Every structure is written in structure tokens, then in C-alpha cells.
């Protein structure tokens, strides 16, 4: 059984589960991208569990996984899911609630806004 991490403000532990299906190029890319993001933005306060649905397909239904690769942030709550190979670092950071969506993106032009 999983235990919730203790809250230490911004130093709270993050438990991530990455659901993959075998050693496909997307699965390998997702693992690599996740490790890079975690080591850069969550240094020393994360745990990654990689769950291969080829080895245990029943977990897909049990854990409501509809697409792969899927990253699930278990702790802190609320649970968050990100689908894909995690190659868009900014999107992953926002999805994991590590960075707010209003934070400026490095090397990106501002999005166009419709005029009224």
C-alpha cells in the first residue's frame, strides 16, 4: 500500500507512476524525458514507478489507463494524468503543477490572443 508523503511546503515528495506497454520507442522516450524532468525540477524529492502493462494488462482497467504512455501523479493529491512521451517539458511541468500555466515560457513567443 502506498503511503502519502509528508508535506514540507515546496519540498513535498512527488510520487509518479508511468504506465507503458513494453519497450516501444514512445515508452523509452517517456522514461528518459521523465527522468530528465525530475532530476532537473524535482531534485531529491520524487519517486518514479514504471508499470509495464504488457506484463500486467489488468492494471490498465484497474487504474483507468486508456492510452499509453500515461504519467500519473499519485502524490500530492489531486491525482493528475499526462498522456504522451513527455517531450514537451513545459506542458509536463504545468500538468504536474510544478510550474503555473501563467509562468513565462523560455524561448517561446507569447501566444496570440483573440481581439474583442
PDB file of N, CA and C in Angstrom:
ATOM      1  N   UNK A   1       0.841  -1.184   0.000  1.00  0.00           N
ATOM      2  CA  UNK A   1       0.000   0.000   0.000  1.00  0.00           C
ATOM      3  C   UNK A   1       0.887   1.248   0.000  1.00  0.00           C
ATOM      4  N   UNK A   2       0.453   2.263  -0.721  1.00  0.00           N
ATOM      5  CA  UNK A   2       1.225   3.491  -0.798  1.00  0.00           C
ATOM      6  C   UNK A   2       0.928   4.380   0.391  1.00  0.00           C
ATOM      7  N   UNK A   3       1.942   5.033   0.869  1.00  0.00           N
ATOM      8  CA  UNK A   3       1.776   5.999   1.945  1.00  0.00           C
ATOM      9  C   UNK A   3       1.927   7.390   1.363  1.00  0.00           C
ATOM     10  N   UNK A   4       1.110   8.310   1.828  1.00  0.00           N
ATOM     11  CA  UNK A   4       1.198   9.693   1.359  1.00  0.00           C
ATOM     12  C   UNK A   4       2.470  10.319   1.901  1.00  0.00           C
ATOM     13  N   UNK A   5       3.090  11.121   1.074  1.00  0.00           N
ATOM     14  CA  UNK A   5       4.300  11.821   1.506  1.00  0.00           C
ATOM     15  C   UNK A   5       3.919  12.967   2.433  1.00  0.00           C
ATOM     16  N   UNK A   6       4.781  13.250   3.383  1.00  0.00           N
ATOM     17  CA  UNK A   6       4.541  14.365   4.300  1.00  0.00           C
ATOM     18  C   UNK A   6       4.755  15.672   3.571  1.00  0.00           C
ATOM     19  N   UNK A   7       3.948  16.645   3.899  1.00  0.00           N
ATOM     20  CA  UNK A   7       4.052  17.950   3.263  1.00  0.00           C
ATOM     21  C   UNK A   7       5.116  18.781   3.965  1.00  0.00           C
ATOM     22  N   UNK A   8       6.046  19.283   3.187  1.00  0.00           N
ATOM     23  CA  UNK A   8       7.089  20.174   3.696  1.00  0.00           C
ATOM     24  C   UNK A   8       7.112  21.444   2.853  1.00  0.00           C
ATOM     25  N   UNK A   9       5.942  21.997   2.582  1.00  0.00           N
ATOM     26  CA  UNK A   9       5.893  23.173   1.738  1.00  0.00           C
ATOM     27  C   UNK A   9       6.276  22.805   0.320  1.00  0.00           C
ATOM     28  N   UNK A  10       7.242  23.519  -0.261  1.00  0.00           N
ATOM     29  CA  UNK A  10       7.664  23.265  -1.630  1.00  0.00           C
ATOM     30  C   UNK A  10       8.571  22.030  -1.729  1.00  0.00           C
ATOM     31  N   UNK A  11       8.939  21.452  -0.589  1.00  0.00           N
ATOM     32  CA  UNK A  11       9.822  20.287  -0.589  1.00  0.00           C
ATOM     33  C   UNK A  11       9.047  18.975  -0.511  1.00  0.00           C
ATOM     34  N   UNK A  12       7.740  19.003  -0.795  1.00  0.00           N
ATOM     35  CA  UNK A  12       6.903  17.815  -0.701  1.00  0.00           C
ATOM     36  C   UNK A  12       7.347  16.764  -1.717  1.00  0.00           C
ATOM     37  N   UNK A  13       7.349  15.523  -1.283  1.00  0.00           N
ATOM     38  CA  UNK A  13       7.687  14.409  -2.158  1.00  0.00           C
ATOM     39  C   UNK A  13       6.619  14.246  -3.229  1.00  0.00           C
ATOM     40  N   UNK A  14       7.040  13.819  -4.412  1.00  0.00           N
ATOM     41  CA  UNK A  14       6.141  13.610  -5.527  1.00  0.00           C
ATOM     42  C   UNK A  14       6.262  12.147  -5.950  1.00  0.00           C
ATOM     43  N   UNK A  15       5.135  11.435  -5.963  1.00  0.00           N
ATOM     44  CA  UNK A  15       5.101  10.048  -6.410  1.00  0.00           C
ATOM     45  C   UNK A  15       4.485   9.996  -7.794  1.00  0.00           C
ATOM     46  N   UNK A  16       5.261   9.498  -8.752  1.00  0.00           N
ATOM     47  CA  UNK A  16       4.830   9.440 -10.143  1.00  0.00           C
ATOM     48  C   UNK A  16       4.799   7.992 -10.612  1.00  0.00           C
ATOM     49  N   UNK A  17       3.734   7.633 -11.317  1.00  0.00           N
ATOM     50  CA  UNK A  17       3.638   6.317 -11.946  1.00  0.00           C
ATOM     51  C   UNK A  17       3.566   6.525 -13.442  1.00  0.00           C
ATOM     52  N   UNK A  18       4.455   5.854 -14.154  1.00  0.00           N
ATOM     53  CA  UNK A  18       4.464   5.922 -15.608  1.00  0.00           C
ATOM     54  C   UNK A  18       4.017   4.579 -16.146  1.00  0.00           C
ATOM     55  N   UNK A  19       2.887   4.579 -16.841  1.00  0.00           N
ATOM     56  CA  UNK A  19       2.350   3.356 -17.443  1.00  0.00           C
ATOM     57  C   UNK A  19       2.827   3.280 -18.889  1.00  0.00           C
ATOM     58  N   UNK A  20       3.463   2.157 -19.219  1.00  0.00           N
ATOM     59  CA  UNK A  20       3.985   1.925 -20.563  1.00  0.00           C
ATOM     60  C   UNK A  20       3.508   0.561 -21.042  1.00  0.00           C
ATOM     61  N   UNK A  21       3.791   0.258 -22.313  1.00  0.00           N
ATOM     62  CA  UNK A  21       3.467  -1.062 -22.864  1.00  0.00           C
ATOM     63  C   UNK A  21       4.695  -1.582 -23.585  1.00  0.00           C
ATOM     64  N   UNK A  22       5.563  -2.253 -22.869  1.00  0.00           N
ATOM     65  CA  UNK A  22       6.776  -2.798 -23.454  1.00  0.00           C
ATOM     66  C   UNK A  22       7.822  -1.736 -23.713  1.00  0.00           C
ATOM     67  N   UNK A  23       8.838  -2.124 -24.456  1.00  0.00           N
ATOM     68  CA  UNK A  23       9.975  -1.238 -24.738  1.00  0.00           C
ATOM     69  C   UNK A  23       9.823  -0.587 -26.110  1.00  0.00           C
ATOM     70  N   UNK A  24       8.706   0.093 -26.333  1.00  0.00           N
ATOM     71  CA  UNK A  24       8.472   0.794 -27.591  1.00  0.00           C
ATOM     72  C   UNK A  24       9.255   2.102 -27.595  1.00  0.00           C
ATOM     73  N   UNK A  25       9.464   2.688 -28.772  1.00  0.00           N
ATOM     74  CA  UNK A  25      10.168   3.979 -28.814  1.00  0.00           C
ATOM     75  C   UNK A  25       9.488   5.057 -27.954  1.00  0.00           C
ATOM     76  N   UNK A  26       8.141   5.106 -27.963  1.00  0.00           N
ATOM     77  CA  UNK A  26       7.447   6.105 -27.138  1.00  0.00           C
ATOM     78  C   UNK A  26       7.643   5.833 -25.650  1.00  0.00           C
ATOM     79  N   UNK A  27       7.624   4.572 -25.265  1.00  0.00           N
ATOM     80  CA  UNK A  27       7.822   4.224 -23.858  1.00  0.00           C
ATOM     81  C   UNK A  27       9.223   4.602 -23.399  1.00  0.00           C
ATOM     82  N   UNK A  28      10.204   4.272 -24.210  1.00  0.00           N
ATOM     83  CA  UNK A  28      11.597   4.591 -23.878  1.00  0.00           C
ATOM     84  C   UNK A  28      11.791   6.101 -23.799  1.00  0.00           C
ATOM     85  N   UNK A  29      11.189   6.838 -24.750  1.00  0.00           N
ATOM     86  CA  UNK A  29      11.295   8.300 -24.736  1.00  0.00           C
ATOM     87  C   UNK A  29      10.624   8.874 -23.490  1.00  0.00           C
ATOM     88  N   UNK A  30       9.463   8.341 -23.118  1.00  0.00           N
ATOM     89  CA  UNK A  30       8.747   8.842 -21.939  1.00  0.00           C
ATOM     90  C   UNK A  30       9.571   8.632 -20.671  1.00  0.00           C
ATOM     91  N   UNK A  31      10.183   7.462 -20.539  1.00  0.00           N
ATOM     92  CA  UNK A  31      11.018   7.183 -19.362  1.00  0.00           C
ATOM     93  C   UNK A  31      12.190   8.154 -19.304  1.00  0.00           C
ATOM     94  N   UNK A  32      12.867   8.325 -20.423  1.00  0.00           N
ATOM     95  CA  UNK A  32      14.019   9.221 -20.490  1.00  0.00           C
ATOM     96  C   UNK A  32      13.623  10.664 -20.190  1.00  0.00           C
ATOM     97  N   UNK A  33      12.544  11.130 -20.829  1.00  0.00           N
ATOM     98  CA  UNK A  33      12.081  12.504 -20.614  1.00  0.00           C
ATOM     99  C   UNK A  33      11.666  12.729 -19.163  1.00  0.00           C
ATOM    100  N   UNK A  34      10.975  11.749 -18.567  1.00  0.00           N
ATOM    101  CA  UNK A  34      10.538  11.888 -17.182  1.00  0.00           C
ATOM    102  C   UNK A  34      11.727  11.968 -16.232  1.00  0.00           C
ATOM    103  N   UNK A  35      12.715  11.101 -16.437  1.00  0.00           N
ATOM    104  CA  UNK A  35      13.902  11.132 -15.570  1.00  0.00           C
ATOM    105  C   UNK A  35      14.623  12.472 -15.678  1.00  0.00           C
ATOM    106  N   UNK A  36      14.713  13.006 -16.885  1.00  0.00           N
ATOM    107  CA  UNK A  36      15.383  14.294 -17.086  1.00  0.00           C
ATOM    108  C   UNK A  36      14.622  15.419 -16.391  1.00  0.00           C
ATOM    109  N   UNK A  37      13.302  15.446 -16.562  1.00  0.00           N
ATOM    110  CA  UNK A  37      12.481  16.485 -15.941  1.00  0.00           C
ATOM    111  C   UNK A  37      12.578  16.401 -14.419  1.00  0.00           C
ATOM    112  N   UNK A  38      12.465  15.196 -13.882  1.00  0.00           N
ATOM    113  CA  UNK A  38      12.505  15.026 -12.423  1.00  0.00           C
ATOM    114  C   UNK A  38      13.857  15.425 -11.845  1.00  0.00           C
ATOM    115  N   UNK A  39      14.944  15.022 -12.501  1.00  0.00           N
ATOM    116  CA  UNK A  39      16.262  15.359 -11.963  1.00  0.00           C
ATOM    117  C   UNK A  39      16.520  16.857 -12.008  1.00  0.00           C
ATOM    118  N   UNK A  40      15.902  17.542 -12.979  1.00  0.00           N
ATOM    119  CA  UNK A  40      16.122  18.984 -13.112  1.00  0.00           C
ATOM    120  C   UNK A  40      15.188  19.807 -12.217  1.00  0.00           C
ATOM    121  N   UNK A  41      13.922  19.403 -12.097  1.00  0.00           N
ATOM    122  CA  UNK A  41      12.933  20.227 -11.419  1.00  0.00           C
ATOM    123  C   UNK A  41      12.467  19.686 -10.066  1.00  0.00           C
ATOM    124  N   UNK A  42      12.722  18.416  -9.781  1.00  0.00           N
ATOM    125  CA  UNK A  42      12.258  17.818  -8.521  1.00  0.00           C
ATOM    126  C   UNK A  42      13.412  17.146  -7.777  1.00  0.00           C
ATOM    127  N   UNK A  43      14.593  17.646  -7.944  1.00  0.00           N
ATOM    128  CA  UNK A  43      15.802  17.025  -7.412  1.00  0.00           C
ATOM    129  C   UNK A  43      15.629  16.535  -5.975  1.00  0.00           C
ATOM    130  N   UNK A  44      15.793  15.228  -5.789  1.00  0.00           N
ATOM    131  CA  UNK A  44      15.783  14.635  -4.469  1.00  0.00           C
ATOM    132  C   UNK A  44      14.426  14.509  -3.799  1.00  0.00           C
ATOM    133  N   UNK A  45      13.345  14.830  -4.504  1.00  0.00           N
ATOM    134  CA  UNK A  45      12.033  14.751  -3.853  1.00  0.00           C
ATOM    135  C   UNK A  45      10.984  14.088  -4.741  1.00  0.00           C
ATOM    136  N   UNK A  46      11.403  13.061  -5.447  1.00  0.00           N
ATOM    137  CA  UNK A  46      10.465  12.347  -6.301  1.00  0.00           C
ATOM    138  C   UNK A  46      10.746  10.848  -6.258  1.00  0.00           C
ATOM    139  N   UNK A  47       9.708  10.089  -6.592  1.00  0.00           N
ATOM    140  CA  UNK A  47       9.829   8.651  -6.759  1.00  0.00           C
ATOM    141  C   UNK A  47       9.070   8.292  -8.023  1.00  0.00           C
ATOM    142  N   UNK A  48       9.705   7.503  -8.887  1.00  0.00           N
ATOM    143  CA  UNK A  48       9.088   7.071 -10.137  1.00  0.00           C
ATOM    144  C   UNK A  48       8.851   5.574 -10.073  1.00  0.00           C
ATOM    145  N   UNK A  49       7.631   5.164 -10.397  1.00  0.00           N
ATOM    146  CA  UNK A  49       7.311   3.754 -10.567  1.00  0.00           C
ATOM    147  C   UNK A  49       6.916   3.562 -12.022  1.00  0.00           C
ATOM    148  N   UNK A  50       7.626   2.679 -12.727  1.00  0.00           N
ATOM    149  CA  UNK A  50       7.295   2.378 -14.119  1.00  0.00           C
ATOM    150  C   UNK A  50       6.505   1.075 -14.116  1.00  0.00           C
ATOM    151  N   UNK A  51       5.313   1.126 -14.683  1.00  0.00           N
ATOM    152  CA  UNK A  51       4.427  -0.033 -14.718  1.00  0.00           C
ATOM    153  C   UNK A  51       4.223  -0.448 -16.167  1.00  0.00           C
ATOM    154  N   UNK A  52       4.697  -1.649 -16.496  1.00  0.00           N
ATOM    155  CA  UNK A  52       4.605  -2.175 -17.856  1.00  0.00           C
ATOM    156  C   UNK A  52       3.305  -2.963 -17.979  1.00  0.00           C
ATOM    157  N   UNK A  53       2.376  -2.438 -18.761  1.00  0.00           N
ATOM    158  CA  UNK A  53       1.069  -3.071 -18.918  1.00  0.00           C
ATOM    159  C   UNK A  53       1.113  -4.322 -19.782  1.00  0.00           C
ATOM    160  N   UNK A  54       2.220  -4.557 -20.482  1.00  0.00           N
ATOM    161  CA  UNK A  54       2.383  -5.816 -21.205  1.00  0.00           C
ATOM    162  C   UNK A  54       2.532  -6.950 -20.193  1.00  0.00           C
ATOM    163  N   UNK A  55       3.233  -6.678 -19.113  1.00  0.00           N
ATOM    164  CA  UNK A  55       3.460  -7.688 -18.070  1.00  0.00           C
ATOM    165  C   UNK A  55       2.233  -7.876 -17.180  1.00  0.00           C
ATOM    166  N   UNK A  56       1.438  -6.831 -16.995  1.00  0.00           N
ATOM    167  CA  UNK A  56       0.261  -6.928 -16.142  1.00  0.00           C
ATOM    168  C   UNK A  56      -0.878  -6.098 -16.749  1.00  0.00           C
ATOM    169  N   UNK A  57      -1.526  -6.606 -17.810  1.00  0.00           N
ATOM    170  CA  UNK A  57      -2.544  -5.832 -18.522  1.00  0.00           C
ATOM    171  C   UNK A  57      -3.783  -5.492 -17.693  1.00  0.00           C
ATOM    172  N   UNK A  58      -4.088  -6.264 -16.663  1.00  0.00           N
ATOM    173  CA  UNK A  58      -5.264  -5.987 -15.835  1.00  0.00           C
ATOM    174  C   UNK A  58      -5.156  -4.632 -15.136  1.00  0.00           C
ATOM    175  N   UNK A  59      -3.939  -4.146 -14.905  1.00  0.00           N
ATOM    176  CA  UNK A  59      -3.757  -2.856 -14.243  1.00  0.00           C
ATOM    177  C   UNK A  59      -4.294  -1.696 -15.073  1.00  0.00           C
ATOM    178  N   UNK A  60      -4.334  -1.858 -16.395  1.00  0.00           N
ATOM    179  CA  UNK A  60      -4.853  -0.786 -17.250  1.00  0.00           C
ATOM    180  C   UNK A  60      -6.296  -0.474 -16.878  1.00  0.00           C
ATOM    181  N   UNK A  61      -7.102  -1.500 -16.738  1.00  0.00           N
ATOM    182  CA  UNK A  61      -8.503  -1.293 -16.365  1.00  0.00           C
ATOM    183  C   UNK A  61      -8.610  -0.882 -14.903  1.00  0.00           C
ATOM    184  N   UNK A  62      -7.873  -1.554 -14.039  1.00  0.00           N
ATOM    185  CA  UNK A  62      -7.934  -1.261 -12.606  1.00  0.00           C
ATOM    186  C   UNK A  62      -7.564   0.190 -12.307  1.00  0.00           C
ATOM    187  N   UNK A  63      -6.597   0.731 -13.042  1.00  0.00           N
ATOM    188  CA  UNK A  63      -6.097   2.089 -12.788  1.00  0.00           C
ATOM    189  C   UNK A  63      -6.635   3.109 -13.782  1.00  0.00           C
ATOM    190  N   UNK A  64      -7.609   2.686 -14.605  1.00  0.00           N
ATOM    191  CA  UNK A  64      -8.268   3.548 -15.586  1.00  0.00           C
ATOM    192  C   UNK A  64      -7.290   4.209 -16.552  1.00  0.00           C
ATOM    193  N   UNK A  65      -6.399   3.396 -17.122  1.00  0.00           N
ATOM    194  CA  UNK A  65      -5.434   3.873 -18.102  1.00  0.00           C
ATOM    195  C   UNK A  65      -5.996   3.579 -19.491  1.00  0.00           C
ATOM    196  N   UNK A  66      -6.248   4.631 -20.265  1.00  0.00           N
ATOM    197  CA  UNK A  66      -6.875   4.487 -21.572  1.00  0.00           C
ATOM    198  C   UNK A  66      -5.905   4.630 -22.729  1.00  0.00           C
ATOM    199  N   UNK A  67      -4.754   5.238 -22.483  1.00  0.00           N
ATOM    200  CA  UNK A  67      -3.744   5.444 -23.519  1.00  0.00           C
ATOM    201  C   UNK A  67      -2.370   5.298 -22.880  1.00  0.00           C
ATOM    202  N   UNK A  68      -1.388   4.983 -23.708  1.00  0.00           N
ATOM    203  CA  UNK A  68      -0.032   4.847 -23.184  1.00  0.00           C
ATOM    204  C   UNK A  68       0.945   5.556 -24.105  1.00  0.00           C
ATOM    205  N   UNK A  69       2.038   6.044 -23.580  1.00  0.00           N
ATOM    206  CA  UNK A  69       2.367   6.131 -22.164  1.00  0.00           C
ATOM    207  C   UNK A  69       1.481   7.147 -21.445  1.00  0.00           C
ATOM    208  N   UNK A  70       1.195   6.860 -20.179  1.00  0.00           N
ATOM    209  CA  UNK A  70       0.441   7.765 -19.309  1.00  0.00           C
ATOM    210  C   UNK A  70       1.222   7.950 -18.014  1.00  0.00           C
ATOM    211  N   UNK A  71       1.415   9.204 -17.651  1.00  0.00           N
ATOM    212  CA  UNK A  71       2.061   9.545 -16.389  1.00  0.00           C
ATOM    213  C   UNK A  71       0.977   9.957 -15.403  1.00  0.00           C
ATOM    214  N   UNK A  72       1.012   9.382 -14.215  1.00  0.00           N
ATOM    215  CA  UNK A  72       0.043   9.705 -13.170  1.00  0.00           C
ATOM    216  C   UNK A  72       0.794  10.224 -11.951  1.00  0.00           C
ATOM    217  N   UNK A  73       0.414  11.427 -11.527  1.00  0.00           N
ATOM    218  CA  UNK A  73       0.957  11.953 -10.271  1.00  0.00           C
ATOM    219  C   UNK A  73       0.028  11.481  -9.164  1.00  0.00           C
ATOM    220  N   UNK A  74       0.520  10.557  -8.338  1.00  0.00           N
ATOM    221  CA  UNK A  74      -0.261   9.996  -7.246  1.00  0.00           C
ATOM    222  C   UNK A  74      -0.263  10.911  -6.027  1.00  0.00           C
ATOM    223  N   UNK A  75       0.908  11.440  -5.694  1.00  0.00           N
ATOM    224  CA  UNK A  75       1.101  12.302  -4.533  1.00  0.00           C
ATOM    225  C   UNK A  75       1.930  13.478  -4.994  1.00  0.00           C
ATOM    226  N   UNK A  76       1.592  14.703  -4.637  1.00  0.00           N
ATOM    227  CA  UNK A  76       0.477  15.108  -3.800  1.00  0.00           C
ATOM    228  C   UNK A  76      -0.851  15.044  -4.553  1.00  0.00           C
ATOM    229  N   UNK A  77      -1.920  14.966  -3.784  1.00  0.00           N
ATOM    230  CA  UNK A  77      -3.244  14.971  -4.376  1.00  0.00           C
ATOM    231  C   UNK A  77      -3.572  16.388  -4.799  1.00  0.00           C
ATOM    232  N   UNK A  78      -4.403  16.636  -5.789  1.00  0.00           N
ATOM    233  CA  UNK A  78      -5.205  15.658  -6.506  1.00  0.00           C
ATOM    234  C   UNK A  78      -4.380  14.910  -7.541  1.00  0.00           C
ATOM    235  N   UNK A  79      -4.872  13.728  -7.889  1.00  0.00           N
ATOM    236  CA  UNK A  79      -4.253  12.898  -8.906  1.00  0.00           C
ATOM    237  C   UNK A  79      -4.269  13.657 -10.237  1.00  0.00           C
ATOM    238  N   UNK A  80      -3.154  13.588 -10.977  1.00  0.00           N
ATOM    239  CA  UNK A  80      -3.050  14.259 -12.282  1.00  0.00           C
ATOM    240  C   UNK A  80      -2.530  13.255 -13.291  1.00  0.00           C
ATOM    241  N   UNK A  81      -3.050  13.301 -14.536  1.00  0.00           N
ATOM    242  CA  UNK A  81      -2.614  12.399 -15.597  1.00  0.00           C
ATOM    243  C   UNK A  81      -2.125  13.194 -16.796  1.00  0.00           C
ATOM    244  N   UNK A  82      -1.033  12.705 -17.384  1.00  0.00           N
ATOM    245  CA  UNK A  82      -0.480  13.288 -18.599  1.00  0.00           C
ATOM    246  C   UNK A  82      -0.248  12.145 -19.576  1.00  0.00           C
ATOM    247  N   UNK A  83      -0.772  12.270 -20.776  1.00  0.00           N
ATOM    248  CA  UNK A  83      -0.639  11.226 -21.789  1.00  0.00           C
ATOM    249  C   UNK A  83       0.379  11.673 -22.827  1.00  0.00           C
ATOM    250  N   UNK A  84       1.273  10.762 -23.220  1.00  0.00           N
ATOM    251  CA  UNK A  84       2.241  11.050 -24.273  1.00  0.00           C
ATOM    252  C   UNK A  84       3.662  10.740 -23.838  1.00  0.00           C
ATOM    253  N   UNK A  85       4.613  11.101 -24.692  1.00  0.00           N
ATOM    254  CA  UNK A  85       6.014  10.759 -24.431  1.00  0.00           C
ATOM    255  C   UNK A  85       6.740  11.781 -23.559  1.00  0.00           C
ATOM    256  N   UNK A  86       6.010  12.782 -23.069  1.00  0.00           N
ATOM    257  CA  UNK A  86       6.538  13.788 -22.124  1.00  0.00           C
ATOM    258  C   UNK A  86       7.646  14.642 -22.733  1.00  0.00           C
ATOM    259  N   UNK A  87       7.624  14.802 -24.047  1.00  0.00           N
ATOM    260  CA  UNK A  87       8.672  15.571 -24.718  1.00  0.00           C
ATOM    261  C   UNK A  87       8.479  17.082 -24.572  1.00  0.00           C
ATOM    262  N   UNK A  88       7.274  17.540 -24.272  1.00  0.00           N
ATOM    263  CA  UNK A  88       7.026  18.967 -24.055  1.00  0.00           C
ATOM    264  C   UNK A  88       7.202  19.266 -22.564  1.00  0.00           C
ATOM    265  N   UNK A  89       8.413  19.628 -22.189  1.00  0.00           N
ATOM    266  CA  UNK A  89       8.757  19.839 -20.782  1.00  0.00           C
ATOM    267  C   UNK A  89       7.829  20.838 -20.111  1.00  0.00           C
ATOM    268  N   UNK A  90       7.547  21.953 -20.769  1.00  0.00           N
ATOM    269  CA  UNK A  90       6.691  22.978 -20.169  1.00  0.00           C
ATOM    270  C   UNK A  90       5.302  22.431 -19.881  1.00  0.00           C
ATOM    271  N   UNK A  91       4.754  21.661 -20.814  1.00  0.00           N
ATOM    272  CA  UNK A  91       3.430  21.085 -20.628  1.00  0.00           C
ATOM    273  C   UNK A  91       3.434  20.090 -19.458  1.00  0.00           C
ATOM    274  N   UNK A  92       4.490  19.323 -19.328  1.00  0.00           N
ATOM    275  CA  UNK A  92       4.605  18.373 -18.229  1.00  0.00           C
ATOM    276  C   UNK A  92       4.703  19.112 -16.898  1.00  0.00           C
ATOM    277  N   UNK A  93       5.492  20.169 -16.840  1.00  0.00           N
ATOM    278  CA  UNK A  93       5.635  20.944 -15.610  1.00  0.00           C
ATOM    279  C   UNK A  93       4.307  21.553 -15.174  1.00  0.00           C
ATOM    280  N   UNK A  94       3.550  22.060 -16.127  1.00  0.00           N
ATOM    281  CA  UNK A  94       2.234  22.620 -15.816  1.00  0.00           C
ATOM    282  C   UNK A  94       1.286  21.492 -15.403  1.00  0.00           C
ATOM    283  N   UNK A  95       1.314  20.385 -16.135  1.00  0.00           N
ATOM    284  CA  UNK A  95       0.444  19.253 -15.828  1.00  0.00           C
ATOM    285  C   UNK A  95       0.702  18.658 -14.456  1.00  0.00           C
ATOM    286  N   UNK A  96       1.948  18.660 -14.026  1.00  0.00           N
ATOM    287  CA  UNK A  96       2.299  18.138 -12.704  1.00  0.00           C
ATOM    288  C   UNK A  96       2.163  19.192 -11.610  1.00  0.00           C
ATOM    289  N   UNK A  97       1.790  20.407 -12.010  1.00  0.00           N
ATOM    290  CA  UNK A  97       1.610  21.521 -11.083  1.00  0.00           C
ATOM    291  C   UNK A  97       2.931  21.926 -10.433  1.00  0.00           C
ATOM    292  N   UNK A  98       4.017  21.775 -11.197  1.00  0.00           N
ATOM    293  CA  UNK A  98       5.331  22.224 -10.745  1.00  0.00           C
ATOM    294  C   UNK A  98       5.527  23.685 -11.135  1.00  0.00           C
ATOM    295  N   UNK A  99       4.939  24.059 -12.250  1.00  0.00           N
ATOM    296  CA  UNK A  99       5.006  25.428 -12.752  1.00  0.00           C
ATOM    297  C   UNK A  99       3.601  25.826 -13.177  1.00  0.00           C
ATOM    298  N   UNK A 100       3.206  27.064 -12.892  1.00  0.00           N
ATOM    299  CA  UNK A 100       1.861  27.506 -13.276  1.00  0.00           C
ATOM    300  C   UNK A 100       1.815  27.794 -14.771  1.00  0.00           C
ATOM    301  N   UNK A 101       0.623  27.697 -15.333  1.00  0.00           N
ATOM    302  CA  UNK A 101       0.467  27.928 -16.769  1.00  0.00           C
ATOM    303  C   UNK A 101       0.703  29.382 -17.127  1.00  0.00           C
ATOM    304  N   UNK A 102       0.681  30.291 -16.139  1.00  0.00           N
ATOM    305  CA  UNK A 102       0.924  31.701 -16.395  1.00  0.00           C
ATOM    306  C   UNK A 102       2.408  32.054 -16.360  1.00  0.00           C
ATOM    307  N   UNK A 103       3.260  31.093 -15.935  1.00  0.00           N
ATOM    308  CA  UNK A 103       4.700  31.353 -15.894  1.00  0.00           C
ATOM    309  C   UNK A 103       5.218  31.509 -17.313  1.00  0.00           C
ATOM    310  N   UNK A 104       6.115  32.440 -17.537  1.00  0.00           N
ATOM    311  CA  UNK A 104       6.635  32.653 -18.888  1.00  0.00           C
ATOM    312  C   UNK A 104       7.414  31.438 -19.374  1.00  0.00           C
ATOM    313  N   UNK A 105       7.252  31.129 -20.659  1.00  0.00           N
ATOM    314  CA  UNK A 105       7.975  30.015 -21.263  1.00  0.00           C
ATOM    315  C   UNK A 105       9.284  30.538 -21.832  1.00  0.00           C
ATOM    316  N   UNK A 106      10.341  29.829 -21.583  1.00  0.00           N
ATOM    317  CA  UNK A 106      11.654  30.220 -22.112  1.00  0.00           C
ATOM    318  C   UNK A 106      11.690  29.947 -23.610  1.00  0.00           C
ATOM    319  N   UNK A 107      12.244  30.887 -24.359  1.00  0.00           N
ATOM    320  CA  UNK A 107      12.434  30.737 -25.804  1.00  0.00           C
ATOM    321  C   UNK A 107      11.139  30.477 -26.561  1.00  0.00           C
ATOM    322  N   UNK A 108      10.034  30.978 -26.080  1.00  0.00           N
ATOM    323  CA  UNK A 108       8.762  30.806 -26.765  1.00  0.00           C
ATOM    324  C   UNK A 108       8.136  32.176 -26.964  1.00  0.00           C
ATOM    325  N   UNK A 109       7.548  32.375 -28.132  1.00  0.00           N
ATOM    326  CA  UNK A 109       6.838  33.614 -28.390  1.00  0.00           C
ATOM    327  C   UNK A 109       5.516  33.587 -27.640  1.00  0.00           C
ATOM    328  N   UNK A 110       5.040  34.745 -27.190  1.00  0.00           N
ATOM    329  CA  UNK A 110       3.760  34.744 -26.486  1.00  0.00           C
ATOM    330  C   UNK A 110       2.649  34.297 -27.408  1.00  0.00           C
ATOM    331  N   UNK A 111       1.645  33.625 -26.827  1.00  0.00           N
ATOM    332  CA  UNK A 111       0.528  33.145 -27.619  1.00  0.00           C
ATOM    333  C   UNK A 111      -0.315  34.329 -28.067  1.00  0.00           C
ATOM    334  N   UNK A 112      -0.861  34.232 -29.272  1.00  0.00           N
ATOM    335  CA  UNK A 112      -1.760  35.263 -29.766  1.00  0.00           C
ATOM    336  C   UNK A 112      -3.077  35.158 -29.025  1.00  0.00           C
ATOM    337  N   UNK A 113      -3.637  36.304 -28.721  1.00  0.00           N
ATOM    338  CA  UNK A 113      -4.938  36.336 -28.071  1.00  0.00           C
ATOM    339  C   UNK A 113      -5.936  36.950 -29.035  1.00  0.00           C
ATOM    340  N   UNK A 114      -7.144  36.406 -29.070  1.00  0.00           N
ATOM    341  CA  UNK A 114      -8.154  36.988 -29.980  1.00  0.00           C
ATOM    342  C   UNK A 114      -8.524  38.404 -29.532  1.00  0.00           C
ATOM    343  N   UNK A 115      -8.761  39.253 -30.500  1.00  0.00           N
ATOM    344  CA  UNK A 115      -9.174  40.622 -30.177  1.00  0.00           C
ATOM    345  C   UNK A 115     -10.678  40.645 -29.970  1.00  0.00           C
ATOM    346  N   UNK A 116     -11.133  41.631 -29.234  1.00  0.00           N
ATOM    347  CA  UNK A 116     -12.572  41.724 -28.933  1.00  0.00           C
ATOM    348  C   UNK A 116     -13.273  42.570 -29.934  1.00  0.00           C
TER     349      UNK A 116
END
